[in-house]
Protein backbone atom coordinates (compact mmCIF):
# COMPACT_ATOMS: atom_id res chain seq x y z
CA UNK A 1 6.43 4.50 17.94
CA UNK A 2 7.91 6.50 14.87
CA UNK A 3 10.04 5.94 11.96
CA UNK A 4 13.21 6.14 14.64
CA UNK A 5 11.61 3.91 17.08
CA UNK A 6 12.53 0.26 15.04
CA UNK A 7 14.93 -0.78 12.55
CA UNK A 8 17.11 -3.47 11.42
CA UNK A 9 18.34 -5.81 14.31
CA UNK A 10 15.73 -4.21 16.95
CA UNK A 11 13.64 -6.18 19.06
CA UNK A 12 10.79 -8.60 17.44
CA UNK A 13 7.16 -6.82 16.82
CA UNK A 14 4.32 -8.63 17.50
CA UNK A 15 1.97 -6.84 14.81
CA UNK A 16 2.77 -5.77 11.34
CA UNK A 17 4.66 -2.43 10.61
CA UNK A 18 3.82 0.29 7.97
CA UNK A 19 6.12 1.66 5.57
CA UNK A 20 5.77 4.81 3.67
CA UNK A 21 7.91 6.49 1.33
CA UNK A 22 7.74 9.90 2.25
CA UNK A 23 7.41 11.54 5.67
CA UNK A 24 3.95 13.35 4.51
CA UNK A 25 2.81 9.72 3.88
CA UNK A 26 4.22 8.57 7.11
CA UNK A 27 2.31 11.56 9.20
CA UNK A 28 -0.99 11.08 7.21
CA UNK A 29 -1.14 7.51 7.85
CA UNK A 30 -0.38 7.74 11.50
CA UNK A 31 -2.57 9.97 12.61
CA UNK A 32 -5.35 6.93 12.41
CA UNK A 33 -2.64 4.16 14.49
CA UNK A 34 -2.50 3.80 17.64
CA UNK A 35 0.11 1.08 18.43
CA UNK A 36 1.32 0.29 14.85
CA UNK A 37 5.02 2.04 14.23
CA UNK A 38 5.45 3.32 11.17
CA UNK A 39 8.99 3.42 9.44
CA UNK A 40 10.03 5.95 6.79
CA UNK A 41 11.94 3.79 3.82
CA UNK A 42 12.37 6.59 1.49
CA UNK A 43 12.01 7.73 -2.24
CA UNK A 44 12.04 4.25 -4.11
CA UNK A 45 12.32 2.48 -0.86
CA UNK A 46 15.98 3.06 -0.63
CA UNK A 47 16.13 3.07 3.52
CA UNK A 48 14.57 -0.55 3.89
CA UNK A 49 17.21 -1.01 5.42
CA UNK A 50 15.27 0.33 8.50
CA UNK A 51 13.02 -2.03 8.46
CA UNK A 52 12.71 -4.69 11.29
CA UNK A 53 14.24 -8.04 11.01
CA UNK A 54 11.08 -9.27 12.75
CA UNK A 55 7.85 -8.58 13.04
CA UNK A 56 4.09 -10.13 12.00
CA UNK A 57 3.97 -8.54 8.70
CA UNK A 58 5.14 -5.36 6.57
CA UNK A 59 2.78 -2.72 4.99
CA UNK A 60 3.42 -0.45 2.53
CA UNK A 61 1.23 2.66 2.40
CA UNK A 62 0.91 5.88 0.38
CA UNK A 63 0.00 7.51 -2.73
CA UNK A 64 -0.09 5.63 -6.12
CA UNK A 65 -1.13 6.15 -9.99
CA UNK A 66 -4.00 4.45 -11.48
CA UNK A 67 -3.31 2.52 -14.47
CA UNK A 68 -6.86 2.17 -15.91
CA UNK A 69 -9.95 3.88 -15.72
CA UNK A 70 -11.81 2.03 -12.89
CA UNK A 71 -10.04 3.68 -10.65
CA UNK A 72 -10.67 7.33 -9.74
CA UNK A 73 -8.74 9.62 -7.39
CA UNK A 74 -9.03 9.30 -4.03
CA UNK A 75 -10.09 5.57 -4.20
CA UNK A 76 -7.97 3.02 -2.36
CA UNK A 77 -6.15 0.03 -4.22
CA UNK A 78 -5.73 -2.83 -1.81
CA UNK A 79 -2.96 -5.10 -3.66
CA UNK A 80 -3.30 -8.90 -4.39
CA UNK A 81 -0.27 -9.35 -5.50
CA UNK A 82 3.16 -7.09 -5.81
CA UNK A 83 4.69 -6.70 -9.01
CA UNK A 84 8.38 -5.90 -9.63
CA UNK A 85 10.89 -6.18 -12.69
CA UNK A 86 10.01 -7.87 -15.90
CA UNK A 87 11.09 -11.51 -15.00
CA UNK A 88 10.76 -11.90 -11.37
CA UNK A 89 7.97 -13.52 -9.44
CA UNK A 90 4.91 -11.46 -8.29
CA UNK A 91 4.56 -11.92 -4.36
CA UNK A 92 1.25 -12.57 -2.82
CA UNK A 93 -0.34 -10.19 -0.30
CA UNK A 94 -1.80 -11.92 2.53
CA UNK A 95 -5.86 -11.56 3.23
CA UNK A 96 -6.22 -8.78 0.72
CA UNK A 97 -10.01 -9.01 0.77
CA UNK A 98 -10.04 -8.89 4.65
CA UNK A 99 -8.16 -5.94 4.36
CA UNK A 100 -10.21 -4.36 1.75
CA UNK A 101 -13.45 -5.06 3.86
CA UNK A 102 -11.92 -3.07 6.97
CA UNK A 103 -11.37 -0.53 4.82
CA UNK A 104 -14.78 -0.10 3.31
CA UNK A 105 -16.18 -0.39 6.84
CA UNK A 106 -14.92 3.06 7.55
CA UNK A 107 -16.27 4.43 4.39
CA UNK A 108 -13.49 4.32 2.16
CA UNK A 109 -13.76 3.80 -1.86
CA UNK A 110 -11.81 0.47 -2.19
CA UNK A 111 -10.78 -1.79 -5.00
CA UNK A 112 -8.72 -4.95 -4.86
CA UNK A 113 -5.85 -5.95 -7.69
CA UNK A 114 -2.17 -5.90 -8.88
CA UNK A 115 0.11 -3.33 -7.97
CA UNK A 116 3.43 -3.15 -10.03
CA UNK A 117 6.44 -1.39 -9.08
CA UNK A 118 8.51 0.76 -11.22
CA UNK A 119 11.47 2.90 -10.77
CA UNK A 120 9.95 6.30 -12.06
CA UNK A 121 6.57 7.56 -12.43
CA UNK A 122 4.28 5.62 -14.99
CA UNK A 123 2.42 7.95 -17.83
CA UNK A 124 1.22 7.81 -21.40
CA UNK A 125 2.32 4.58 -23.11
CA UNK A 126 3.80 3.30 -20.64
CA UNK A 127 0.37 3.27 -18.55
CA UNK A 128 -1.13 1.41 -20.98
CA UNK A 129 1.33 -1.12 -21.32
CA UNK A 130 1.18 -2.00 -17.70
CA UNK A 131 -2.76 -1.68 -17.92
CA UNK A 132 -2.68 -4.28 -20.51
CA UNK A 133 -1.05 -6.55 -18.29
CA UNK A 134 -3.92 -6.48 -15.66
CA UNK A 135 -1.90 -4.19 -12.89
CA UNK A 136 -4.55 -1.77 -11.39
CA UNK A 137 -2.24 0.95 -9.71
CA UNK A 138 1.93 1.61 -9.97
CA UNK A 139 4.09 2.90 -7.34
CA UNK A 140 7.39 2.92 -6.30
CA UNK A 141 8.63 1.01 -3.31
CA UNK A 142 6.16 -1.54 -2.90
CA UNK A 143 8.06 -4.41 -4.59
CA UNK A 144 11.47 -3.64 -2.54
CA UNK A 145 9.37 -3.65 1.09
CA UNK A 146 8.07 -7.33 -0.17
CA UNK A 147 11.44 -8.43 -1.17
CA UNK A 148 12.59 -7.32 2.31
CA UNK A 149 9.93 -9.29 4.10
CA UNK A 150 11.22 -12.50 2.75
CA UNK A 151 8.92 -15.36 4.18
CA UNK A 152 7.07 -12.43 6.14
CA UNK A 153 2.91 -11.82 5.38
CA UNK A 154 2.97 -8.72 3.15
CA UNK A 155 0.45 -6.00 1.89
CA UNK A 156 0.04 -2.66 0.17
CA UNK A 157 -2.47 0.09 0.23
CA UNK A 158 -2.02 2.46 -1.86
CA UNK A 159 -4.49 5.83 -2.84
CA UNK A 160 -5.02 7.15 -6.21
CA UNK A 161 -3.56 10.41 -7.05
CA UNK A 162 -3.32 10.43 -10.58
CA UNK A 163 -4.34 8.31 -13.57
CA UNK A 164 -6.11 8.10 -17.37
CA UNK A 165 -7.59 11.67 -17.70
CA UNK A 166 -5.96 12.84 -14.46
CA UNK A 167 -2.68 13.81 -15.40
CA UNK A 168 0.25 13.58 -12.40
CA UNK A 169 1.72 17.20 -13.73
CA UNK A 170 -1.61 19.16 -14.02
CA UNK A 171 -2.58 21.88 -11.57
CA UNK A 172 -5.48 19.91 -10.43
CA UNK A 173 -2.71 17.57 -8.53
CA UNK A 174 -2.23 19.89 -5.59
CA UNK A 175 -6.39 19.43 -5.02
CA UNK A 176 -6.08 15.79 -5.50
CA UNK A 177 -3.07 15.40 -3.44
CA UNK A 178 -4.55 16.88 -0.32
CA UNK A 179 -7.47 15.21 -0.65
CA UNK A 180 -6.01 11.21 -0.81
CA UNK A 181 -3.65 12.60 2.26
CA UNK A 182 -6.91 13.22 3.99
CA UNK A 183 -8.00 9.31 2.81
CA UNK A 184 -4.79 8.05 3.62
CA UNK A 185 -5.10 9.67 7.29
CA UNK A 186 -8.54 7.04 7.64
CA UNK A 187 -6.84 3.97 6.92
CA UNK A 188 -5.03 3.61 9.96
CA UNK A 189 -7.84 1.89 12.17
CA UNK A 190 -8.65 -0.61 9.49
CA UNK A 191 -4.74 -1.30 9.11
CA UNK A 192 -4.91 -2.09 13.02
CA UNK A 193 -8.00 -4.18 12.60
CA UNK A 194 -6.67 -6.17 10.03
CA UNK A 195 -3.30 -7.19 11.76
CA UNK A 196 -5.19 -7.88 14.84
CA UNK A 197 -6.87 -10.38 12.68
CA UNK A 198 -3.75 -11.48 10.85
CA UNK A 199 -1.69 -11.68 13.94
CA UNK A 200 -4.94 -14.42 14.90
CA UNK A 201 -4.82 -16.18 12.11
CA UNK A 202 -7.82 -14.75 10.33
CA UNK A 203 -8.55 -17.17 7.01
CA UNK A 204 -8.76 -15.32 3.93
CA UNK A 205 -11.28 -18.03 2.04
CA UNK A 206 -13.50 -17.00 4.60
CA UNK A 207 -13.46 -13.73 4.29
CA UNK A 208 -16.63 -12.73 2.04
CA UNK A 209 -16.51 -10.59 -0.52
CA UNK A 210 -17.51 -7.40 0.23
CA UNK A 211 -14.21 -5.83 -1.53
CA UNK A 212 -15.08 -4.50 -5.41
CA UNK A 213 -12.82 -6.39 -7.75
CA UNK A 214 -14.06 -5.56 -11.47
């Protein structure tokens, strides 16, 4: 199922739906998915209206920028909460450590922590500001997807491309972007296993502690 196969007002979906901002991200994650639909929601989630009205969960995936030095390019951050504009309440994510453990099973370098959604690329002093607030990575879509989810479970997975010491606008970003796309293509199987456990009612307090949460 592709981004054109599901949308608002469509049939209820039993499992989660994966959301990606860019077609490049969608193509990468779709390589590892056997049955989970992927919806392209556009830059800054401007096409979030494409998302279905009913499904088990919404999972936003793609590239992101690290806010602290503990995350390196190629690392995966699984959000335990999604933060939006100042003054809005963070949205807790569903079973983040369970999702992180499934990704770790597939050999990925994974950490867990808060993601903040902004309307632009974060750099310099603003990066330091958000890091001081405890956010681990930044993106431009997850908060909008979380709002669309309403009472449904939500998750966010970001592969780090840039961060402190690894600026986005630097010749090395091309190689980092290609490496991040390869990592993103490996996330699909873990997302589907997590989705099955979520639908079955997996209880996060019993998950264990395989994910690194510095």
